[in-house]
Protein backbone atom coordinates (compact mmCIF):
# COMPACT_ATOMS: atom_id res chain seq x y z
CA MET A 1 71.38 64.33 103.21
CA LYS A 2 69.85 67.64 102.20
CA LEU A 3 70.59 70.87 104.05
CA LEU A 4 68.07 73.71 104.03
CA ILE A 5 69.08 77.21 105.09
CA GLU A 6 65.82 79.12 105.44
CA GLY A 7 64.39 82.40 106.66
CA GLY A 8 67.44 84.58 106.02
CA ARG A 9 67.94 87.46 103.62
CA ILE A 10 69.78 85.95 100.65
CA ILE A 11 72.11 88.37 98.89
CA SER A 12 74.01 87.06 95.88
CA PRO A 13 75.07 90.07 93.79
CA GLY A 14 76.43 87.97 90.91
CA ASP A 15 73.05 86.27 90.49
CA GLY A 16 70.86 89.32 91.08
CA ILE A 17 69.35 87.65 94.16
CA ASN A 18 68.33 89.85 97.10
CA GLY A 19 65.45 88.89 99.35
CA VAL A 20 64.19 86.62 102.10
CA GLY A 21 64.08 82.98 101.07
CA TYR A 22 65.96 79.70 101.29
CA VAL A 23 69.00 77.87 99.97
CA LEU A 24 68.77 74.11 99.43
CA ILE A 25 71.98 72.07 99.39
CA GLU A 26 72.52 68.42 98.43
CA ASP A 27 75.72 66.42 97.82
CA GLY A 28 77.91 69.49 98.20
CA LYS A 29 76.07 71.47 95.52
CA ILE A 30 73.42 74.21 95.45
CA VAL A 31 70.09 72.70 94.39
CA GLU A 32 68.17 75.96 94.58
CA ALA A 33 68.35 79.49 96.00
CA ALA A 34 64.91 81.05 95.99
CA VAL A 35 63.51 84.29 97.37
CA GLY A 36 59.97 85.35 98.12
CA ARG A 37 58.71 81.89 98.99
CA SER A 38 59.29 79.09 101.47
CA TYR A 39 60.45 75.55 100.71
CA LYS A 40 57.74 73.00 99.99
CA GLY A 41 59.64 69.72 100.19
CA SER A 42 58.22 66.32 99.42
CA ARG A 43 56.80 64.12 102.19
CA GLY A 44 59.24 61.88 104.02
CA GLU A 45 62.18 63.87 102.65
CA GLU A 46 65.35 63.53 104.75
CA LEU A 47 66.32 67.08 105.48
CA THR A 48 68.25 69.13 108.01
CA ALA A 49 66.65 72.57 108.21
CA ILE A 50 68.40 75.54 109.81
CA ASN A 51 66.42 78.71 110.38
CA VAL A 52 68.54 81.83 109.98
CA GLY A 53 65.82 84.45 110.34
CA GLY A 54 67.20 87.98 110.70
CA LYS A 55 70.56 86.94 109.26
CA ILE A 56 72.21 87.47 105.88
CA VAL A 57 72.98 84.52 103.61
CA THR A 58 75.64 85.04 100.94
CA PRO A 59 77.73 82.97 98.56
CA GLY A 60 80.85 81.80 100.40
CA LEU A 61 83.19 84.75 100.93
CA ILE A 62 86.49 84.81 99.04
CA ASP A 63 89.72 86.36 100.36
CA MET A 64 92.07 86.70 97.40
CA HIS A 65 95.10 87.90 99.40
CA THR A 66 96.37 85.84 102.34
CA HIS A 67 99.64 84.45 103.67
CA LEU A 68 99.58 80.91 105.04
CA ARG A 69 103.37 80.73 105.72
CA GLU A 70 103.59 77.02 104.85
CA PRO A 71 106.09 75.74 103.78
CA GLY A 72 108.89 77.15 105.89
CA ARG A 73 107.36 79.37 108.57
CA GLU A 74 104.94 77.03 110.32
CA ASP A 75 105.77 78.85 113.58
CA LYS A 76 103.66 81.78 112.28
CA GLU A 77 100.83 79.93 110.51
CA THR A 78 100.06 76.67 108.76
CA ILE A 79 97.58 75.80 106.04
CA HIS A 80 95.56 74.09 108.80
CA THR A 81 95.47 77.06 111.21
CA GLY A 82 95.14 79.60 108.40
CA THR A 83 92.08 77.85 106.98
CA ARG A 84 90.61 77.68 110.49
CA ALA A 85 91.03 81.45 110.72
CA ALA A 86 89.34 81.74 107.33
CA ALA A 87 86.39 79.58 108.42
CA LYS A 88 86.01 81.67 111.58
CA GLY A 89 85.99 84.82 109.44
CA GLY A 90 83.30 83.50 107.08
CA PHE A 91 85.64 82.80 104.16
CA THR A 92 85.06 79.61 102.17
CA SER A 93 87.84 80.23 99.65
CA ILE A 94 91.22 81.91 100.06
CA ALA A 95 94.12 82.56 97.71
CA CYS A 96 97.57 82.35 99.29
CA MET A 97 100.66 84.31 98.36
CA PRO A 98 103.92 82.65 97.28
CA ASN A 99 106.34 84.31 99.74
CA THR A 100 106.90 81.09 101.69
CA GLU A 101 110.29 79.48 102.38
CA PRO A 102 111.06 78.22 99.75
CA PRO A 103 108.77 80.40 97.61
CA ILE A 104 105.93 78.88 95.59
CA ASP A 105 107.61 79.39 92.20
CA SER A 106 107.40 75.89 90.69
CA GLN A 107 104.85 73.24 89.79
CA THR A 108 106.00 71.23 92.82
CA GLY A 109 105.37 74.19 95.13
CA VAL A 110 101.83 74.69 93.82
CA GLU A 111 101.10 70.97 94.06
CA TYR A 112 102.44 70.87 97.62
CA VAL A 113 100.08 73.63 98.81
CA LEU A 114 97.11 71.97 97.11
CA ALA A 115 97.96 68.56 98.60
CA VAL A 116 98.31 69.91 102.16
CA ALA A 117 95.12 71.97 101.73
CA ARG A 118 93.18 68.89 100.61
CA ARG A 119 94.45 66.96 103.61
CA GLU A 120 94.34 69.60 106.36
CA GLY A 121 92.42 72.60 105.06
CA LEU A 122 88.93 73.53 106.21
CA VAL A 123 88.25 75.85 103.26
CA ASN A 124 89.20 75.97 99.56
CA VAL A 125 92.80 77.10 99.02
CA TYR A 126 94.03 78.55 95.72
CA PRO A 127 97.79 79.06 95.35
CA ILE A 128 99.18 82.22 93.77
CA ALA A 129 102.62 81.47 92.33
CA GLY A 130 105.67 83.66 91.81
CA ILE A 131 106.10 85.88 88.75
CA THR A 132 109.86 85.32 88.92
CA LYS A 133 112.03 82.47 90.17
CA GLY A 134 112.79 82.82 93.87
CA LEU A 135 110.68 86.03 93.77
CA ALA A 136 114.00 87.65 92.84
CA GLY A 137 112.59 89.80 90.04
CA VAL A 138 115.01 88.52 87.40
CA GLU A 139 113.89 85.37 85.58
CA LEU A 140 110.27 84.52 84.78
CA THR A 141 108.78 81.34 86.23
CA GLU A 142 107.32 78.58 84.02
CA ILE A 143 103.95 80.29 83.69
CA GLY A 144 102.16 77.59 81.66
CA ALA A 145 103.29 74.84 84.03
CA LEU A 146 102.20 76.85 87.07
CA LYS A 147 98.73 77.42 85.62
CA LYS A 148 98.45 73.72 84.76
CA ALA A 149 99.44 72.80 88.32
CA GLY A 150 96.63 74.97 89.71
CA ALA A 151 98.00 78.47 90.29
CA VAL A 152 95.23 81.06 89.85
CA ALA A 153 97.44 84.17 89.53
CA LEU A 154 101.06 85.28 89.66
CA SER A 155 102.65 87.65 92.16
CA ASP A 156 106.05 88.29 93.70
CA ASP A 157 104.02 89.63 96.61
CA GLY A 158 106.02 91.74 99.09
CA ARG A 159 108.78 92.10 96.54
CA PRO A 160 107.76 94.27 93.59
CA VAL A 161 109.16 93.39 90.17
CA MET A 162 111.42 96.44 89.85
CA ASN A 163 112.60 95.62 86.32
CA SER A 164 109.99 96.99 83.90
CA GLU A 165 111.16 94.76 81.04
CA VAL A 166 110.60 91.65 83.21
CA MET A 167 107.16 92.97 84.18
CA ARG A 168 106.31 93.61 80.53
CA ARG A 169 107.19 90.02 79.59
CA ALA A 170 105.20 88.68 82.54
CA LEU A 171 102.11 90.61 81.43
CA GLU A 172 102.55 89.39 77.84
CA TYR A 173 102.83 85.73 78.84
CA THR A 174 100.02 85.78 81.39
CA ALA A 175 97.72 87.42 78.81
CA MET A 176 98.08 84.23 76.74
CA PHE A 177 97.13 82.11 79.76
CA ARG A 178 94.35 84.48 80.87
CA MET A 179 95.86 84.93 84.34
CA PRO A 180 96.12 88.15 86.30
CA ILE A 181 99.40 89.53 87.61
CA ILE A 182 98.98 90.77 91.19
CA ASP A 183 101.55 93.43 92.02
CA HIS A 184 102.66 94.82 95.35
CA CYS A 185 103.38 98.33 94.07
CA GLU A 186 106.44 99.82 95.72
CA ASP A 187 109.51 101.55 94.36
CA ILE A 188 111.93 100.05 96.84
CA ASN A 189 114.57 102.69 96.14
CA LEU A 190 112.16 105.39 97.31
CA SER A 191 110.83 103.42 100.28
CA ALA A 192 114.12 101.89 101.45
CA GLU A 193 114.42 101.65 105.26
CA GLY A 194 110.98 103.27 105.59
CA GLN A 195 108.95 102.27 108.64
CA MET A 196 105.58 104.03 108.21
CA ASN A 197 103.79 106.61 106.07
CA GLU A 198 105.87 109.71 105.41
CA GLY A 199 104.17 112.65 107.11
CA TYR A 200 103.61 114.48 110.36
CA THR A 201 103.33 111.41 112.63
CA ALA A 202 106.52 109.85 111.24
CA THR A 203 108.38 113.12 111.87
CA VAL A 204 107.09 113.35 115.45
CA LEU A 205 108.01 109.71 116.14
CA GLY A 206 111.38 110.04 114.47
CA LEU A 207 110.67 107.15 112.09
CA LYS A 208 111.78 107.11 108.46
CA GLY A 209 108.78 107.59 106.21
CA ILE A 210 107.55 105.72 103.14
CA PRO A 211 106.19 108.30 100.69
CA ALA A 212 102.89 107.65 98.92
CA GLU A 213 104.82 108.23 95.69
CA SER A 214 106.75 104.96 96.11
CA GLU A 215 103.43 103.15 95.62
CA GLU A 216 102.01 105.52 93.01
CA ILE A 217 105.03 105.40 90.67
CA MET A 218 104.70 101.62 90.42
CA ILE A 219 100.92 101.75 89.96
CA ALA A 220 101.47 104.18 87.07
CA ARG A 221 104.14 101.93 85.54
CA ASP A 222 101.99 98.81 85.85
CA ILE A 223 99.01 100.53 84.23
CA LEU A 224 101.20 101.70 81.33
CA LEU A 225 102.56 98.16 80.87
CA ALA A 226 99.08 96.64 81.03
CA SER A 227 98.03 99.11 78.33
CA LEU A 228 101.08 98.19 76.21
CA THR A 229 100.66 94.41 76.53
CA GLY A 230 96.92 93.89 76.90
CA GLY A 231 97.75 91.92 80.07
CA ARG A 232 95.70 91.96 83.26
CA ILE A 233 97.16 93.87 86.19
CA HIS A 234 95.66 93.67 89.66
CA ILE A 235 96.98 96.22 92.15
CA ALA A 236 97.33 94.67 95.61
CA HIS A 237 96.28 96.51 98.80
CA ILE A 238 95.95 99.98 97.25
CA SER A 239 96.46 102.65 99.90
CA THR A 240 96.84 106.13 98.41
CA ARG A 241 94.54 108.79 97.01
CA ARG A 242 96.41 109.23 93.73
CA GLY A 243 96.78 105.47 93.34
CA VAL A 244 92.99 105.08 93.41
CA GLU A 245 92.61 107.94 90.92
CA MET A 246 95.09 106.31 88.50
CA VAL A 247 93.17 103.02 88.53
CA ARG A 248 89.92 104.96 88.03
CA GLN A 249 91.36 106.65 84.91
CA ALA A 250 92.83 103.36 83.63
CA LYS A 251 89.43 101.70 83.82
CA ARG A 252 87.85 104.62 81.91
CA GLN A 253 90.43 104.05 79.17
CA GLY A 254 89.59 100.36 78.96
CA ILE A 255 92.93 99.18 80.37
CA ARG A 256 92.62 95.78 82.08
CA ALA A 257 93.36 97.00 85.60
CA THR A 258 91.67 95.94 88.84
CA CYS A 259 92.55 96.60 92.47
CA GLU A 260 91.78 95.66 96.06
CA ALA A 261 91.75 97.34 99.47
CA THR A 262 92.12 95.99 103.00
CA PRO A 263 90.03 96.75 106.09
CA HIS A 264 93.04 98.27 107.83
CA HIS A 265 93.54 100.74 104.99
CA PHE A 266 89.93 101.96 105.13
CA THR A 267 89.73 101.93 108.95
CA LEU A 268 93.03 103.14 110.38
CA THR A 269 95.40 106.03 109.67
CA ASP A 270 99.10 106.63 110.30
CA SER A 271 98.21 108.32 113.60
CA ASP A 272 97.35 104.80 114.89
CA VAL A 273 101.11 104.15 114.93
CA ARG A 274 101.69 106.93 117.47
CA LEU A 275 102.42 104.64 120.44
CA TYR A 276 104.98 102.75 118.33
CA ASN A 277 102.42 99.95 118.07
CA THR A 278 104.11 97.30 115.90
CA ASN A 279 100.69 95.75 115.19
CA ALA A 280 100.00 98.92 113.20
CA LYS A 281 103.13 98.37 111.08
CA MET A 282 102.27 97.08 107.63
CA ASN A 283 103.33 97.53 104.03
CA PRO A 284 101.90 99.54 102.37
CA PRO A 285 101.77 101.55 105.58
CA LEU A 286 98.70 103.09 107.15
CA ARG A 287 98.22 106.38 105.31
CA SER A 288 96.63 109.78 105.97
CA SER A 289 92.95 110.47 106.60
CA GLU A 290 92.74 111.92 103.03
CA ASP A 291 93.96 108.61 101.67
CA VAL A 292 91.43 106.70 103.79
CA ALA A 293 88.63 108.92 102.44
CA ALA A 294 89.85 108.21 98.89
CA ILE A 295 89.86 104.44 99.53
CA LYS A 296 86.25 104.67 100.73
CA GLU A 297 85.29 106.70 97.67
CA GLY A 298 87.06 104.17 95.43
CA LEU A 299 85.11 101.36 97.08
CA ARG A 300 81.89 103.33 96.70
CA ASP A 301 82.24 104.16 93.01
CA GLY A 302 83.51 100.72 92.01
CA THR A 303 87.11 101.68 91.25
CA ILE A 304 88.22 99.24 93.96
CA ASP A 305 86.93 95.82 92.94
CA ALA A 306 87.69 93.64 95.95
CA ILE A 307 88.08 93.73 99.71
CA VAL A 308 90.91 91.48 100.91
CA THR A 309 92.63 90.95 104.24
CA ASP A 310 96.34 90.60 103.35
CA HIS A 311 96.34 88.26 106.38
CA ALA A 312 100.02 88.29 107.40
CA PRO A 313 100.74 86.33 110.60
CA HIS A 314 103.91 86.98 112.63
CA THR A 315 105.00 85.51 115.94
CA ARG A 316 104.79 87.50 119.15
CA GLU A 317 108.61 87.40 119.46
CA GLU A 318 108.97 89.04 116.05
CA LYS A 319 106.48 91.82 116.77
CA GLU A 320 107.52 92.56 120.38
CA VAL A 321 110.66 94.46 119.42
CA GLU A 322 111.57 98.08 118.65
CA PHE A 323 109.37 99.42 115.85
CA MET A 324 112.28 99.56 113.42
CA TYR A 325 113.00 95.83 113.72
CA ALA A 326 109.43 94.52 113.64
CA PRO A 327 108.19 92.84 110.44
CA PHE A 328 105.41 94.40 108.38
CA GLY A 329 101.95 92.82 108.46
CA ILE A 330 98.87 91.97 110.52
CA ILE A 331 96.37 89.12 110.65
CA GLY A 332 92.99 89.98 109.20
CA MET A 333 90.67 87.13 108.26
CA GLU A 334 88.74 86.93 111.53
CA THR A 335 88.05 90.68 111.73
CA ALA A 336 87.34 91.46 108.05
CA VAL A 337 83.56 91.01 107.96
CA PRO A 338 82.80 92.96 111.15
CA LEU A 339 85.09 95.80 109.96
CA VAL A 340 83.28 95.90 106.60
CA MET A 341 79.92 95.91 108.39
CA THR A 342 80.99 98.50 110.99
CA GLU A 343 83.05 100.87 108.83
CA LEU A 344 81.43 100.61 105.40
CA VAL A 345 77.89 99.23 105.55
CA SER A 346 76.60 100.85 108.75
CA LYS A 347 78.22 104.18 107.77
CA GLY A 348 76.55 104.15 104.35
CA VAL A 349 79.76 103.90 102.29
CA LEU A 350 78.55 100.67 100.67
CA THR A 351 75.22 98.89 100.54
CA LEU A 352 75.22 95.31 101.82
CA GLU A 353 74.98 94.11 98.25
CA GLU A 354 77.98 96.18 97.12
CA ALA A 355 80.08 95.02 100.08
CA ILE A 356 79.22 91.36 99.44
CA ALA A 357 80.04 91.69 95.72
CA LYS A 358 83.56 92.83 96.66
CA MET A 359 84.03 89.69 98.77
CA THR A 360 82.36 87.12 96.48
CA VAL A 361 81.69 87.53 92.77
CA ASN A 362 84.35 90.19 92.07
CA PRO A 363 87.36 88.28 93.44
CA ALA A 364 86.00 85.11 91.78
CA ARG A 365 85.93 86.92 88.42
CA ILE A 366 89.41 88.39 88.84
CA LEU A 367 90.92 84.99 89.66
CA GLY A 368 88.74 83.06 87.21
CA LEU A 369 87.18 80.89 89.94
CA ARG A 370 83.82 79.19 89.55
CA LYS A 371 82.77 80.57 92.91
CA GLY A 372 80.84 83.50 94.36
CA THR A 373 77.45 82.31 93.17
CA LEU A 374 74.38 80.48 94.50
CA LEU A 375 73.17 79.31 91.10
CA GLN A 376 71.94 75.73 90.72
CA GLY A 377 74.84 73.30 90.44
CA ALA A 378 77.39 75.63 92.02
CA ASP A 379 79.58 74.38 94.87
CA ALA A 380 77.65 74.73 98.12
CA ASP A 381 79.88 77.39 99.66
CA VAL A 382 77.70 79.63 101.83
CA THR A 383 78.34 82.25 104.51
CA VAL A 384 75.74 83.36 107.07
CA ILE A 385 76.28 86.74 108.77
CA ASP A 386 74.43 88.10 111.80
CA PRO A 387 74.37 91.89 111.37
CA GLU A 388 73.31 92.47 114.98
CA ILE A 389 75.92 90.53 116.96
CA GLU A 390 78.57 92.63 118.63
CA VAL A 391 81.98 91.17 119.31
CA ALA A 392 84.77 92.43 121.53
CA VAL A 393 87.99 91.47 119.76
CA GLU A 394 90.34 89.79 122.23
CA GLU A 395 93.37 87.57 121.74
CA SER A 396 91.25 84.49 122.48
CA TYR A 397 89.00 85.42 119.53
CA PHE A 398 91.52 84.28 116.93
CA GLU A 399 91.97 80.85 115.35
CA SER A 400 95.15 81.99 113.64
CA LYS A 401 98.46 80.87 115.16
CA SER A 402 99.42 84.54 115.45
CA ARG A 403 97.85 87.43 117.34
CA ASN A 404 99.29 90.47 115.54
CA SER A 405 96.10 92.49 115.15
CA PRO A 406 95.67 96.24 115.72
CA PHE A 407 91.96 95.61 116.34
CA ILE A 408 92.38 93.84 119.69
CA GLY A 409 90.33 95.81 122.21
CA ARG A 410 87.79 97.03 119.64
CA LYS A 411 84.06 96.37 119.64
CA LEU A 412 82.73 95.47 116.22
CA LYS A 413 79.27 94.65 114.95
CA GLY A 414 78.15 92.18 112.30
CA VAL A 415 79.78 88.78 112.47
CA PRO A 416 79.78 85.55 110.41
CA VAL A 417 77.90 82.86 112.36
CA MET A 418 78.07 80.01 109.87
CA THR A 419 80.55 78.95 107.18
CA ILE A 420 79.57 76.13 104.83
CA VAL A 421 82.20 74.68 102.46
CA GLY A 422 81.06 72.17 99.85
CA GLY A 423 77.88 71.52 101.84
CA ARG A 424 79.75 70.91 105.13
CA ILE A 425 79.34 73.26 108.08
CA VAL A 426 82.92 74.14 109.13
CA MET A 427 82.03 76.98 111.50
CA GLU A 428 78.90 77.56 113.56
CA ASP A 429 78.28 80.35 116.07
CA GLY A 430 81.96 81.22 116.16
CA ALA A 431 83.09 77.66 116.86
CA VAL A 432 85.28 76.14 114.17
CA LYS A 433 84.78 72.41 113.60
CA HIS A 434 87.67 70.02 114.08
CA GLY A 435 89.26 67.83 111.45
CA HIS A 436 88.65 67.60 107.74
């Protein structure tokens, strides 16, 4: 059966497509994406046509930084519920971090995630495996075996590799396998016991601060090691002004460095913590308004390559405690697109095309995925966004198992209304389809 998505504005930055037209899908693949004309099918052709006039049609969105919690913490999220959240948010492909219990640091771990995702997932799932065994920062994992099993990148995620010699070796080995290292940049000696961004608000609230320097020192180290080894470093959830500037300079020098930013780091500041709201507790922490301005500038000038969610589900019991004891992290997949539309596109920080590039072709390139395109023969992963729909974010809005979002109570504009994965509609008008 053929599926025709017609009448929408097709924007596929990687293919240089931007205009009103149609996308034709058959057998899970893109047959044609054409602008400036309407489809002239043959007589008697069996076809399901969906008119999406006034909406935006893009290659399926990619979130290269999520936490699915399975195996080990299925009380927070599972691959099934996490991929439902992704489908609701317009994402057709997600990469999941290895900080599960046990961590994804072996071939078996990678194969397990892929097997469960095939069975229960609604979207494409790409495992990111550990840099070191047990994410302990000491002994490198079997990098070749992990790549062969299907890992798309390596990261110790919330635990930075503090030992620079280990990080150097990791960058050398992954360079041979053409894989990026994704680093959560944090000098844990500087940030130890820290609860939020070091600054005025932390002082007023009496909370121990995490200085921007704890992130920046590690960004600087990683850039130097990438320069030394020729390896590919990707800085996760960049959050500080000087961090963005360091990546900007590294790119000018031809060092293989890329980075990503989250909606919460370009939308909120550390003053959003002021009521001891544990849903505003994340790592890296919400920073100052100067840092937020720098993130937006980094997005605008191309220093920041990708927009990711760092979707980090936690149970209500874990978050409803004193600020000091609450875990870091928020969910983000369902609110990402409306935050990008509301905070970046409608405010003129990014054009629609630039915003879409950071959620499609750029993450695909960084991870080496054959995704983010609407070219003939590509997998039929498509996202349709209605730029006019307003949504009031409430707890009932989420498909995720968890509800730890600082955006509950906000009105946002510009929402995904259809998610198509491999030619199958998995979400339509906000309703996620059941089953595989």
